[in-house]
Amino acid sequence: MKIKGVIFDVDGVLLDTMPVWTSAGARYLESLGIEAEAHLGDKLFTMTVDMGAVYLKEKYKMSQSLDEIIRGINGVVEDYYYYHADFKPGARKLLKSLSDAEIPMTIASSTGRKYIAAAMERLDAMHCFKEILSCVEMKTSKSEPEIFYEAMRIMGTKPCETWLFEDGLYSVKTAAAAGINTVGVFDAVSAGDQKELAATADIYVTSLEDFQLI
């Protein structure tokens, strides 16, 4: 397999951070002494932070302003990235293997750049990446290929020689349509999509520990 550049998603692929996104609302409520409903995370996971704040304020009749709620939820997430987020099994070894082979890598994530950079700095992995690209800063989503095109521009690679590691089915579909090779990576939060993800991606692994490319 010809590989000249790699694009990584972060949440659910390199870092075990998906749980904080599903639990941030409940953790924030808990900090205020409010008991969250069962399966709150499943409801909020489909919403933006702004939408989730509206839901919490109305559902729990909170006195806090929407801005305060948003800051509270973001604070939970920020704390996790800055102090707790860790690599998923096999991630550090794969990054070292690619670095040793001098294969350029970029990150393309829906999460804000400052969160990812904080985690990667703490984990001593920032040097692995030519750039961290965020849909937040680029004002796009991975339903569109722009963030992948920018990653390839930075690495100087063509789609046919670029590989994307991703746990999100919609993102894999976007990359595949752009001619980028894809590795589907299992994450428990998106377990319901795994059958289709395995069928869509060029390679599917349940863990990065199972992946050997070079």
N, C-alpha and C. Protein backbone atom coordinates (compact mmCIF):
# COMPACT_ATOMS: atom_id res chain seq x y z
N MET A 1 0.84 -1.19 0.00
CA MET A 1 0.00 0.00 0.00
C MET A 1 0.88 1.24 0.00
N LYS A 2 0.66 2.12 -0.98
CA LYS A 2 1.45 3.33 -1.06
C LYS A 2 0.88 4.35 -0.09
N ILE A 3 1.72 4.86 0.78
CA ILE A 3 1.28 5.84 1.77
C ILE A 3 2.32 6.94 1.89
N LYS A 4 1.86 8.17 1.62
CA LYS A 4 2.75 9.32 1.72
C LYS A 4 2.26 10.35 2.73
N GLY A 5 1.06 10.16 3.24
CA GLY A 5 0.54 11.07 4.24
C GLY A 5 -0.63 10.44 4.97
N VAL A 6 -0.80 10.81 6.23
CA VAL A 6 -1.88 10.26 7.05
C VAL A 6 -2.66 11.40 7.71
N ILE A 7 -3.97 11.29 7.65
CA ILE A 7 -4.86 12.22 8.35
C ILE A 7 -5.52 11.45 9.49
N PHE A 8 -5.46 12.00 10.67
CA PHE A 8 -6.07 11.35 11.83
C PHE A 8 -7.25 12.16 12.36
N ASP A 9 -8.36 11.48 12.61
CA ASP A 9 -9.36 12.00 13.52
C ASP A 9 -8.77 11.82 14.92
N VAL A 10 -9.31 12.54 15.89
CA VAL A 10 -8.78 12.44 17.25
C VAL A 10 -9.71 11.67 18.18
N ASP A 11 -10.90 12.20 18.37
CA ASP A 11 -11.83 11.62 19.34
C ASP A 11 -12.32 10.25 18.88
N GLY A 12 -12.02 9.23 19.66
CA GLY A 12 -12.43 7.88 19.32
C GLY A 12 -11.44 7.14 18.44
N VAL A 13 -10.39 7.85 17.99
CA VAL A 13 -9.36 7.21 17.16
C VAL A 13 -8.01 7.26 17.88
N LEU A 14 -7.45 8.48 18.04
CA LEU A 14 -6.20 8.61 18.77
C LEU A 14 -6.42 8.72 20.27
N LEU A 15 -7.42 9.50 20.66
CA LEU A 15 -7.67 9.73 22.08
C LEU A 15 -8.99 9.11 22.52
N ASP A 16 -8.99 8.61 23.73
CA ASP A 16 -10.20 8.01 24.30
C ASP A 16 -11.03 9.12 24.96
N THR A 17 -11.57 10.00 24.11
CA THR A 17 -12.27 11.19 24.61
C THR A 17 -13.76 11.20 24.32
N MET A 18 -14.24 10.25 23.56
CA MET A 18 -15.67 10.27 23.24
C MET A 18 -16.56 10.24 24.49
N PRO A 19 -16.18 9.48 25.54
CA PRO A 19 -17.05 9.46 26.73
C PRO A 19 -17.30 10.82 27.35
N VAL A 20 -16.31 11.73 27.29
CA VAL A 20 -16.52 13.04 27.92
C VAL A 20 -17.56 13.85 27.16
N TRP A 21 -17.64 13.64 25.85
CA TRP A 21 -18.63 14.37 25.06
C TRP A 21 -20.04 13.88 25.38
N THR A 22 -20.17 12.61 25.72
CA THR A 22 -21.50 12.09 26.06
C THR A 22 -21.86 12.33 27.52
N SER A 23 -20.84 12.63 28.35
CA SER A 23 -21.12 12.80 29.78
C SER A 23 -20.97 14.23 30.27
N ALA A 24 -20.53 15.14 29.41
CA ALA A 24 -20.24 16.52 29.85
C ALA A 24 -21.45 17.19 30.47
N GLY A 25 -22.62 17.02 29.85
CA GLY A 25 -23.83 17.64 30.38
C GLY A 25 -24.17 17.15 31.77
N ALA A 26 -24.09 15.83 31.94
CA ALA A 26 -24.40 15.23 33.24
C ALA A 26 -23.37 15.64 34.29
N ARG A 27 -22.10 15.71 33.90
CA ARG A 27 -21.05 16.12 34.84
C ARG A 27 -21.27 17.56 35.28
N TYR A 28 -21.66 18.41 34.34
CA TYR A 28 -21.92 19.81 34.68
C TYR A 28 -23.09 19.92 35.64
N LEU A 29 -24.17 19.19 35.36
CA LEU A 29 -25.32 19.21 36.27
C LEU A 29 -24.92 18.71 37.66
N GLU A 30 -24.13 17.65 37.68
CA GLU A 30 -23.68 17.09 38.96
C GLU A 30 -22.91 18.13 39.78
N SER A 31 -22.11 18.97 39.09
CA SER A 31 -21.34 20.00 39.79
C SER A 31 -22.24 21.03 40.44
N LEU A 32 -23.49 21.12 39.98
CA LEU A 32 -24.46 22.06 40.53
C LEU A 32 -25.42 21.37 41.50
N GLY A 33 -25.18 20.08 41.74
CA GLY A 33 -26.04 19.34 42.64
C GLY A 33 -27.35 18.90 42.02
N ILE A 34 -27.37 18.81 40.67
CA ILE A 34 -28.58 18.42 39.95
C ILE A 34 -28.40 17.01 39.41
N GLU A 35 -29.34 16.14 39.65
CA GLU A 35 -29.25 14.78 39.16
C GLU A 35 -29.74 14.71 37.71
N ALA A 36 -28.93 14.19 36.84
CA ALA A 36 -29.28 14.11 35.43
C ALA A 36 -30.19 12.93 35.15
N GLU A 37 -31.01 13.07 34.15
CA GLU A 37 -31.89 11.98 33.72
C GLU A 37 -31.06 10.86 33.11
N ALA A 38 -31.63 9.68 33.07
CA ALA A 38 -30.96 8.55 32.42
C ALA A 38 -30.80 8.83 30.94
N HIS A 39 -29.67 8.45 30.39
CA HIS A 39 -29.40 8.57 28.95
C HIS A 39 -29.37 10.02 28.47
N LEU A 40 -29.08 10.97 29.36
CA LEU A 40 -28.96 12.37 28.94
C LEU A 40 -27.88 12.51 27.87
N GLY A 41 -26.77 11.80 28.05
CA GLY A 41 -25.68 11.90 27.10
C GLY A 41 -26.07 11.54 25.69
N ASP A 42 -26.93 10.54 25.54
CA ASP A 42 -27.38 10.14 24.20
C ASP A 42 -28.16 11.26 23.53
N LYS A 43 -28.93 11.99 24.32
CA LYS A 43 -29.71 13.10 23.77
C LYS A 43 -28.80 14.26 23.38
N LEU A 44 -27.88 14.62 24.27
CA LEU A 44 -27.01 15.77 24.02
C LEU A 44 -25.98 15.50 22.93
N PHE A 45 -25.63 14.23 22.74
CA PHE A 45 -24.59 13.88 21.76
C PHE A 45 -24.98 14.30 20.35
N THR A 46 -26.27 14.33 20.08
CA THR A 46 -26.75 14.70 18.74
C THR A 46 -26.90 16.20 18.58
N MET A 47 -26.66 16.96 19.64
CA MET A 47 -26.85 18.41 19.62
C MET A 47 -25.52 19.14 19.66
N THR A 48 -25.52 20.41 19.22
CA THR A 48 -24.39 21.28 19.46
C THR A 48 -24.40 21.67 20.93
N VAL A 49 -23.31 22.25 21.41
CA VAL A 49 -23.26 22.70 22.80
C VAL A 49 -24.34 23.75 23.05
N ASP A 50 -24.54 24.64 22.09
CA ASP A 50 -25.56 25.67 22.24
C ASP A 50 -26.96 25.06 22.36
N MET A 51 -27.25 24.09 21.52
CA MET A 51 -28.55 23.41 21.58
C MET A 51 -28.70 22.66 22.88
N GLY A 52 -27.62 22.02 23.33
CA GLY A 52 -27.66 21.28 24.58
C GLY A 52 -27.92 22.20 25.76
N ALA A 53 -27.36 23.40 25.72
CA ALA A 53 -27.57 24.37 26.80
C ALA A 53 -29.05 24.76 26.88
N VAL A 54 -29.67 24.96 25.73
CA VAL A 54 -31.09 25.30 25.70
C VAL A 54 -31.90 24.16 26.30
N TYR A 55 -31.55 22.93 25.92
CA TYR A 55 -32.28 21.77 26.44
C TYR A 55 -32.15 21.68 27.96
N LEU A 56 -30.93 21.83 28.47
CA LEU A 56 -30.72 21.73 29.91
C LEU A 56 -31.47 22.82 30.67
N LYS A 57 -31.41 24.02 30.15
CA LYS A 57 -32.06 25.14 30.84
C LYS A 57 -33.57 24.92 30.93
N GLU A 58 -34.16 24.44 29.84
CA GLU A 58 -35.61 24.23 29.82
C GLU A 58 -36.00 22.98 30.61
N LYS A 59 -35.25 21.90 30.42
CA LYS A 59 -35.58 20.63 31.07
C LYS A 59 -35.46 20.72 32.58
N TYR A 60 -34.39 21.36 33.06
CA TYR A 60 -34.10 21.40 34.49
C TYR A 60 -34.45 22.74 35.13
N LYS A 61 -35.10 23.61 34.33
CA LYS A 61 -35.54 24.92 34.83
C LYS A 61 -34.40 25.63 35.58
N MET A 62 -33.26 25.72 34.90
CA MET A 62 -32.06 26.27 35.51
C MET A 62 -32.09 27.80 35.55
N SER A 63 -31.56 28.35 36.63
CA SER A 63 -31.50 29.81 36.76
C SER A 63 -30.31 30.40 36.01
N GLN A 64 -29.33 29.56 35.71
CA GLN A 64 -28.15 30.04 34.98
C GLN A 64 -28.53 30.48 33.57
N SER A 65 -27.80 31.49 33.07
CA SER A 65 -28.03 31.94 31.70
C SER A 65 -27.50 30.89 30.73
N LEU A 66 -27.91 31.00 29.47
CA LEU A 66 -27.41 30.07 28.46
C LEU A 66 -25.89 30.16 28.33
N ASP A 67 -25.36 31.38 28.40
CA ASP A 67 -23.91 31.55 28.31
C ASP A 67 -23.20 30.85 29.47
N GLU A 68 -23.77 30.93 30.66
CA GLU A 68 -23.18 30.26 31.82
C GLU A 68 -23.20 28.75 31.65
N ILE A 69 -24.30 28.23 31.13
CA ILE A 69 -24.42 26.79 30.92
C ILE A 69 -23.42 26.32 29.87
N ILE A 70 -23.30 27.08 28.80
CA ILE A 70 -22.35 26.74 27.74
C ILE A 70 -20.93 26.73 28.30
N ARG A 71 -20.58 27.75 29.09
CA ARG A 71 -19.24 27.81 29.69
C ARG A 71 -19.03 26.64 30.64
N GLY A 72 -20.07 26.26 31.34
CA GLY A 72 -19.96 25.13 32.26
C GLY A 72 -19.70 23.82 31.55
N ILE A 73 -20.45 23.57 30.49
CA ILE A 73 -20.24 22.34 29.71
C ILE A 73 -18.86 22.34 29.08
N ASN A 74 -18.48 23.47 28.48
CA ASN A 74 -17.16 23.56 27.85
C ASN A 74 -16.04 23.40 28.89
N GLY A 75 -16.29 23.86 30.10
CA GLY A 75 -15.30 23.72 31.15
C GLY A 75 -15.03 22.27 31.49
N VAL A 76 -16.09 21.46 31.50
CA VAL A 76 -15.93 20.03 31.76
C VAL A 76 -15.07 19.39 30.67
N VAL A 77 -15.38 19.72 29.42
CA VAL A 77 -14.64 19.17 28.29
C VAL A 77 -13.18 19.63 28.31
N GLU A 78 -13.00 20.92 28.54
CA GLU A 78 -11.64 21.47 28.56
C GLU A 78 -10.79 20.81 29.64
N ASP A 79 -11.34 20.65 30.81
CA ASP A 79 -10.61 20.02 31.91
C ASP A 79 -10.16 18.62 31.51
N TYR A 80 -11.02 17.89 30.81
CA TYR A 80 -10.68 16.51 30.43
C TYR A 80 -9.51 16.48 29.46
N TYR A 81 -9.55 17.35 28.45
CA TYR A 81 -8.46 17.38 27.47
C TYR A 81 -7.16 17.86 28.09
N TYR A 82 -7.24 18.85 28.94
CA TYR A 82 -6.04 19.44 29.52
C TYR A 82 -5.37 18.52 30.54
N TYR A 83 -6.15 17.69 31.25
CA TYR A 83 -5.59 16.96 32.38
C TYR A 83 -5.79 15.44 32.37
N HIS A 84 -6.72 14.93 31.58
CA HIS A 84 -7.06 13.52 31.72
C HIS A 84 -7.02 12.70 30.43
N ALA A 85 -7.27 13.29 29.28
CA ALA A 85 -7.37 12.53 28.03
C ALA A 85 -6.10 11.73 27.77
N ASP A 86 -6.27 10.48 27.35
CA ASP A 86 -5.12 9.62 27.08
C ASP A 86 -5.28 8.94 25.73
N PHE A 87 -4.19 8.40 25.23
CA PHE A 87 -4.22 7.68 23.97
C PHE A 87 -5.06 6.42 24.08
N LYS A 88 -5.71 6.06 22.99
CA LYS A 88 -6.32 4.75 22.89
C LYS A 88 -5.22 3.72 22.66
N PRO A 89 -5.48 2.46 22.98
CA PRO A 89 -4.47 1.42 22.79
C PRO A 89 -3.91 1.40 21.36
N GLY A 90 -2.62 1.37 21.25
CA GLY A 90 -1.96 1.29 19.95
C GLY A 90 -1.68 2.62 19.29
N ALA A 91 -2.27 3.70 19.78
CA ALA A 91 -2.13 5.00 19.11
C ALA A 91 -0.70 5.53 19.17
N ARG A 92 -0.12 5.53 20.36
CA ARG A 92 1.23 6.08 20.48
C ARG A 92 2.23 5.28 19.63
N LYS A 93 2.11 3.98 19.64
CA LYS A 93 3.01 3.13 18.86
C LYS A 93 2.88 3.42 17.36
N LEU A 94 1.64 3.61 16.90
CA LEU A 94 1.42 3.90 15.48
C LEU A 94 2.01 5.25 15.10
N LEU A 95 1.82 6.25 15.94
CA LEU A 95 2.39 7.57 15.66
C LEU A 95 3.91 7.50 15.59
N LYS A 96 4.52 6.76 16.48
CA LYS A 96 5.98 6.61 16.45
C LYS A 96 6.44 5.90 15.19
N SER A 97 5.70 4.87 14.80
CA SER A 97 6.06 4.12 13.60
C SER A 97 6.02 5.01 12.36
N LEU A 98 4.97 5.82 12.26
CA LEU A 98 4.84 6.72 11.12
C LEU A 98 5.89 7.83 11.16
N SER A 99 6.16 8.34 12.35
CA SER A 99 7.19 9.38 12.50
C SER A 99 8.56 8.85 12.12
N ASP A 100 8.86 7.65 12.58
CA ASP A 100 10.15 7.05 12.25
C ASP A 100 10.32 6.85 10.75
N ALA A 101 9.21 6.61 10.07
CA ALA A 101 9.25 6.42 8.62
C ALA A 101 9.17 7.75 7.87
N GLU A 102 9.13 8.86 8.63
CA GLU A 102 9.08 10.22 8.08
C GLU A 102 7.86 10.42 7.17
N ILE A 103 6.76 9.82 7.56
CA ILE A 103 5.49 10.01 6.86
C ILE A 103 4.75 11.17 7.53
N PRO A 104 4.42 12.23 6.78
CA PRO A 104 3.76 13.38 7.39
C PRO A 104 2.35 13.04 7.87
N MET A 105 1.97 13.67 8.98
CA MET A 105 0.66 13.44 9.56
C MET A 105 -0.01 14.77 9.90
N THR A 106 -1.31 14.81 9.72
CA THR A 106 -2.10 15.95 10.17
C THR A 106 -3.31 15.42 10.93
N ILE A 107 -3.90 16.31 11.71
CA ILE A 107 -5.14 16.00 12.42
C ILE A 107 -6.27 16.77 11.77
N ALA A 108 -7.40 16.11 11.57
CA ALA A 108 -8.62 16.76 11.08
C ALA A 108 -9.73 16.35 12.03
N SER A 109 -10.20 17.30 12.84
CA SER A 109 -11.14 16.98 13.91
C SER A 109 -12.28 17.98 13.97
N SER A 110 -13.40 17.54 14.52
CA SER A 110 -14.53 18.42 14.76
C SER A 110 -14.36 19.17 16.08
N THR A 111 -13.39 18.78 16.88
CA THR A 111 -13.13 19.40 18.18
C THR A 111 -12.24 20.63 18.00
N GLY A 112 -12.41 21.60 18.89
CA GLY A 112 -11.60 22.81 18.83
C GLY A 112 -10.12 22.53 18.94
N ARG A 113 -9.31 23.29 18.21
CA ARG A 113 -7.88 23.05 18.14
C ARG A 113 -7.21 23.15 19.50
N LYS A 114 -7.63 24.11 20.34
CA LYS A 114 -6.93 24.32 21.60
C LYS A 114 -7.04 23.11 22.53
N TYR A 115 -8.19 22.41 22.47
CA TYR A 115 -8.35 21.22 23.30
C TYR A 115 -7.39 20.12 22.85
N ILE A 116 -7.36 19.90 21.54
CA ILE A 116 -6.50 18.84 21.00
C ILE A 116 -5.04 19.16 21.25
N ALA A 117 -4.65 20.41 21.00
CA ALA A 117 -3.25 20.81 21.20
C ALA A 117 -2.84 20.63 22.65
N ALA A 118 -3.73 20.96 23.58
CA ALA A 118 -3.41 20.81 25.00
C ALA A 118 -3.15 19.35 25.35
N ALA A 119 -4.00 18.46 24.83
CA ALA A 119 -3.82 17.04 25.11
C ALA A 119 -2.54 16.51 24.47
N MET A 120 -2.29 16.88 23.23
CA MET A 120 -1.11 16.38 22.53
C MET A 120 0.18 16.92 23.13
N GLU A 121 0.17 18.16 23.59
CA GLU A 121 1.34 18.71 24.27
C GLU A 121 1.61 17.92 25.55
N ARG A 122 0.57 17.67 26.33
CA ARG A 122 0.73 16.94 27.59
C ARG A 122 1.23 15.51 27.35
N LEU A 123 0.77 14.92 26.24
CA LEU A 123 1.16 13.55 25.90
C LEU A 123 2.46 13.49 25.09
N ASP A 124 3.10 14.65 24.90
CA ASP A 124 4.37 14.75 24.17
C ASP A 124 4.24 14.18 22.75
N ALA A 125 3.19 14.60 22.05
CA ALA A 125 2.96 14.09 20.70
C ALA A 125 2.76 15.19 19.66
N MET A 126 2.86 16.45 20.05
CA MET A 126 2.64 17.54 19.09
C MET A 126 3.60 17.48 17.92
N HIS A 127 4.82 17.02 18.18
CA HIS A 127 5.84 16.98 17.14
C HIS A 127 5.49 16.01 16.01
N CYS A 128 4.52 15.15 16.24
CA CYS A 128 4.14 14.16 15.22
C CYS A 128 3.38 14.79 14.06
N PHE A 129 2.76 15.93 14.29
CA PHE A 129 1.81 16.47 13.32
C PHE A 129 2.29 17.76 12.68
N LYS A 130 2.06 17.84 11.37
CA LYS A 130 2.38 19.06 10.66
C LYS A 130 1.38 20.16 11.00
N GLU A 131 0.16 19.76 11.29
CA GLU A 131 -0.86 20.75 11.64
C GLU A 131 -2.05 20.06 12.30
N ILE A 132 -2.76 20.81 13.14
CA ILE A 132 -4.03 20.37 13.70
C ILE A 132 -5.11 21.22 13.07
N LEU A 133 -5.96 20.59 12.29
CA LEU A 133 -7.06 21.29 11.62
C LEU A 133 -8.36 20.99 12.35
N SER A 134 -9.15 22.02 12.59
CA SER A 134 -10.40 21.87 13.31
C SER A 134 -11.56 22.40 12.48
N CYS A 135 -12.63 21.64 12.44
CA CYS A 135 -13.83 22.10 11.75
C CYS A 135 -14.38 23.37 12.40
N VAL A 136 -14.13 23.54 13.69
CA VAL A 136 -14.59 24.73 14.40
C VAL A 136 -13.97 25.97 13.79
N GLU A 137 -12.64 25.97 13.67
CA GLU A 137 -11.94 27.13 13.14
C GLU A 137 -12.16 27.28 11.63
N MET A 138 -12.29 26.18 10.92
CA MET A 138 -12.48 26.25 9.47
C MET A 138 -13.94 26.49 9.08
N LYS A 139 -14.81 26.46 10.09
CA LYS A 139 -16.25 26.69 9.86
C LYS A 139 -16.80 25.73 8.79
N THR A 140 -16.50 24.47 9.00
CA THR A 140 -16.98 23.44 8.08
C THR A 140 -17.31 22.20 8.90
N SER A 141 -17.64 21.12 8.24
CA SER A 141 -17.83 19.83 8.91
C SER A 141 -17.21 18.75 8.04
N LYS A 142 -17.07 17.58 8.61
CA LYS A 142 -16.48 16.49 7.83
C LYS A 142 -17.50 15.80 6.94
N SER A 143 -18.67 16.41 6.82
CA SER A 143 -19.61 15.99 5.79
C SER A 143 -19.18 16.56 4.44
N GLU A 144 -18.26 17.53 4.49
CA GLU A 144 -17.68 18.15 3.30
C GLU A 144 -16.18 17.86 3.30
N PRO A 145 -15.55 17.79 2.14
CA PRO A 145 -14.14 17.36 2.09
C PRO A 145 -13.10 18.45 2.30
N GLU A 146 -13.53 19.71 2.53
CA GLU A 146 -12.57 20.81 2.58
C GLU A 146 -11.45 20.59 3.59
N ILE A 147 -11.77 20.08 4.76
CA ILE A 147 -10.74 19.90 5.78
C ILE A 147 -9.72 18.84 5.36
N PHE A 148 -10.16 17.85 4.61
CA PHE A 148 -9.24 16.82 4.10
C PHE A 148 -8.37 17.38 2.97
N TYR A 149 -8.96 18.22 2.12
CA TYR A 149 -8.18 18.85 1.07
C TYR A 149 -7.08 19.74 1.66
N GLU A 150 -7.42 20.47 2.72
CA GLU A 150 -6.43 21.33 3.36
C GLU A 150 -5.31 20.50 3.99
N ALA A 151 -5.68 19.38 4.61
CA ALA A 151 -4.67 18.50 5.19
C ALA A 151 -3.71 17.98 4.13
N MET A 152 -4.24 17.58 2.98
CA MET A 152 -3.40 17.08 1.91
C MET A 152 -2.53 18.19 1.32
N ARG A 153 -3.08 19.41 1.25
CA ARG A 153 -2.28 20.53 0.76
C ARG A 153 -1.08 20.75 1.67
N ILE A 154 -1.30 20.70 2.98
CA ILE A 154 -0.23 20.89 3.95
C ILE A 154 0.82 19.79 3.84
N MET A 155 0.38 18.55 3.66
CA MET A 155 1.31 17.43 3.57
C MET A 155 1.92 17.26 2.19
N GLY A 156 1.30 17.89 1.19
CA GLY A 156 1.79 17.74 -0.18
C GLY A 156 1.49 16.38 -0.78
N THR A 157 0.33 15.83 -0.43
CA THR A 157 -0.03 14.49 -0.92
C THR A 157 -1.28 14.51 -1.78
N LYS A 158 -1.42 13.48 -2.59
CA LYS A 158 -2.61 13.28 -3.40
C LYS A 158 -3.57 12.33 -2.66
N PRO A 159 -4.85 12.35 -3.01
CA PRO A 159 -5.81 11.45 -2.34
C PRO A 159 -5.40 9.98 -2.39
N CYS A 160 -4.90 9.53 -3.54
CA CYS A 160 -4.59 8.11 -3.70
C CYS A 160 -3.42 7.64 -2.83
N GLU A 161 -2.63 8.58 -2.30
CA GLU A 161 -1.49 8.21 -1.46
C GLU A 161 -1.67 8.69 -0.02
N THR A 162 -2.92 9.10 0.30
CA THR A 162 -3.25 9.60 1.64
C THR A 162 -4.21 8.63 2.32
N TRP A 163 -4.00 8.42 3.63
CA TRP A 163 -4.87 7.55 4.41
C TRP A 163 -5.51 8.33 5.55
N LEU A 164 -6.81 8.13 5.74
CA LEU A 164 -7.55 8.73 6.84
C LEU A 164 -7.92 7.67 7.86
N PHE A 165 -7.60 7.91 9.13
CA PHE A 165 -8.03 7.05 10.23
C PHE A 165 -9.21 7.74 10.91
N GLU A 166 -10.35 7.05 10.95
CA GLU A 166 -11.59 7.72 11.36
C GLU A 166 -12.57 6.72 11.95
N ASP A 167 -13.30 7.16 12.99
CA ASP A 167 -14.33 6.29 13.56
C ASP A 167 -15.73 6.70 13.13
N GLY A 168 -15.85 7.88 12.51
CA GLY A 168 -17.16 8.37 12.10
C GLY A 168 -17.53 7.93 10.70
N LEU A 169 -18.65 7.25 10.57
CA LEU A 169 -19.07 6.72 9.29
C LEU A 169 -19.24 7.82 8.24
N TYR A 170 -19.87 8.93 8.63
CA TYR A 170 -20.13 10.00 7.66
C TYR A 170 -18.82 10.59 7.14
N SER A 171 -17.83 10.67 8.00
CA SER A 171 -16.53 11.21 7.60
C SER A 171 -15.80 10.26 6.65
N VAL A 172 -15.89 8.97 6.93
CA VAL A 172 -15.29 7.97 6.04
C VAL A 172 -15.93 8.04 4.66
N LYS A 173 -17.22 8.22 4.62
CA LYS A 173 -17.92 8.34 3.33
C LYS A 173 -17.44 9.57 2.57
N THR A 174 -17.26 10.69 3.28
CA THR A 174 -16.79 11.91 2.64
C THR A 174 -15.40 11.72 2.05
N ALA A 175 -14.51 11.12 2.84
CA ALA A 175 -13.14 10.90 2.38
C ALA A 175 -13.09 9.93 1.20
N ALA A 176 -13.87 8.87 1.30
CA ALA A 176 -13.89 7.88 0.22
C ALA A 176 -14.35 8.49 -1.09
N ALA A 177 -15.35 9.37 -1.00
CA ALA A 177 -15.86 10.04 -2.20
C ALA A 177 -14.81 10.96 -2.82
N ALA A 178 -13.87 11.43 -1.98
CA ALA A 178 -12.79 12.30 -2.46
C ALA A 178 -11.58 11.50 -2.93
N GLY A 179 -11.67 10.17 -2.88
CA GLY A 179 -10.59 9.32 -3.37
C GLY A 179 -9.52 9.03 -2.34
N ILE A 180 -9.79 9.36 -1.07
CA ILE A 180 -8.82 9.13 0.00
C ILE A 180 -9.00 7.72 0.55
N ASN A 181 -7.91 7.03 0.82
CA ASN A 181 -7.96 5.70 1.43
C ASN A 181 -8.40 5.84 2.89
N THR A 182 -9.17 4.89 3.37
CA THR A 182 -9.73 5.04 4.71
C THR A 182 -9.50 3.80 5.59
N VAL A 183 -9.25 4.08 6.87
CA VAL A 183 -9.16 3.04 7.89
C VAL A 183 -10.26 3.33 8.90
N GLY A 184 -11.26 2.47 8.97
CA GLY A 184 -12.32 2.62 9.95
C GLY A 184 -11.88 2.04 11.28
N VAL A 185 -12.04 2.82 12.34
CA VAL A 185 -11.58 2.41 13.67
C VAL A 185 -12.78 2.30 14.61
N PHE A 186 -12.89 1.18 15.28
CA PHE A 186 -14.01 0.98 16.20
C PHE A 186 -13.93 1.92 17.40
N ASP A 187 -15.07 2.48 17.77
CA ASP A 187 -15.21 3.17 19.05
C ASP A 187 -16.59 2.84 19.60
N ALA A 188 -16.65 2.59 20.89
CA ALA A 188 -17.89 2.11 21.51
C ALA A 188 -19.05 3.08 21.34
N VAL A 189 -18.75 4.39 21.32
CA VAL A 189 -19.82 5.38 21.21
C VAL A 189 -20.57 5.26 19.88
N SER A 190 -19.86 4.87 18.83
CA SER A 190 -20.49 4.73 17.52
C SER A 190 -20.66 3.26 17.13
N ALA A 191 -20.86 2.41 18.13
CA ALA A 191 -20.94 0.96 17.89
C ALA A 191 -22.04 0.59 16.91
N GLY A 192 -23.12 1.36 16.90
CA GLY A 192 -24.24 1.04 16.01
C GLY A 192 -23.91 1.17 14.54
N ASP A 193 -22.84 1.90 14.22
CA ASP A 193 -22.45 2.11 12.81
C ASP A 193 -21.38 1.15 12.34
N GLN A 194 -20.93 0.25 13.21
CA GLN A 194 -19.74 -0.53 12.90
C GLN A 194 -19.88 -1.44 11.69
N LYS A 195 -21.02 -2.04 11.51
CA LYS A 195 -21.20 -2.93 10.37
C LYS A 195 -21.04 -2.17 9.06
N GLU A 196 -21.67 -1.00 8.99
CA GLU A 196 -21.57 -0.19 7.77
C GLU A 196 -20.19 0.43 7.64
N LEU A 197 -19.59 0.80 8.76
CA LEU A 197 -18.24 1.36 8.72
C LEU A 197 -17.25 0.34 8.18
N ALA A 198 -17.38 -0.88 8.63
CA ALA A 198 -16.49 -1.95 8.16
C ALA A 198 -16.66 -2.21 6.67
N ALA A 199 -17.90 -2.06 6.20
CA ALA A 199 -18.18 -2.31 4.79
C ALA A 199 -17.73 -1.14 3.91
N THR A 200 -17.67 0.06 4.48
CA THR A 200 -17.36 1.26 3.71
C THR A 200 -15.86 1.54 3.65
N ALA A 201 -15.16 1.36 4.77
CA ALA A 201 -13.73 1.66 4.84
C ALA A 201 -12.90 0.64 4.06
N ASP A 202 -11.75 1.09 3.58
CA ASP A 202 -10.83 0.17 2.88
C ASP A 202 -10.29 -0.88 3.85
N ILE A 203 -10.02 -0.45 5.08
CA ILE A 203 -9.54 -1.34 6.13
C ILE A 203 -10.36 -1.03 7.38
N TYR A 204 -10.69 -2.04 8.14
CA TYR A 204 -11.43 -1.83 9.40
C TYR A 204 -10.70 -2.55 10.52
N VAL A 205 -10.51 -1.84 11.65
CA VAL A 205 -9.85 -2.46 12.80
C VAL A 205 -10.66 -2.15 14.05
N THR A 206 -10.67 -3.09 14.96
CA THR A 206 -11.35 -2.85 16.23
C THR A 206 -10.44 -2.12 17.21
N SER A 207 -9.13 -2.10 16.92
CA SER A 207 -8.16 -1.39 17.75
C SER A 207 -6.96 -1.03 16.90
N LEU A 208 -6.33 0.11 17.19
CA LEU A 208 -5.11 0.47 16.47
C LEU A 208 -3.99 -0.52 16.76
N GLU A 209 -4.12 -1.27 17.83
CA GLU A 209 -3.13 -2.32 18.12
C GLU A 209 -3.13 -3.39 17.04
N ASP A 210 -4.27 -3.52 16.34
CA ASP A 210 -4.39 -4.55 15.30
C ASP A 210 -3.89 -4.06 13.94
N PHE A 211 -3.50 -2.78 13.86
CA PHE A 211 -3.16 -2.20 12.56
C PHE A 211 -1.67 -2.22 12.32
N GLN A 212 -1.27 -2.77 11.19
CA GLN A 212 0.13 -2.74 10.78
C GLN A 212 0.19 -2.38 9.31
N LEU A 213 0.73 -1.20 9.05
CA LEU A 213 0.83 -0.73 7.67
C LEU A 213 2.27 -0.70 7.20
N ILE A 214 3.15 -0.35 8.10
CA ILE A 214 4.57 -0.27 7.71
C ILE A 214 5.41 -1.03 8.72
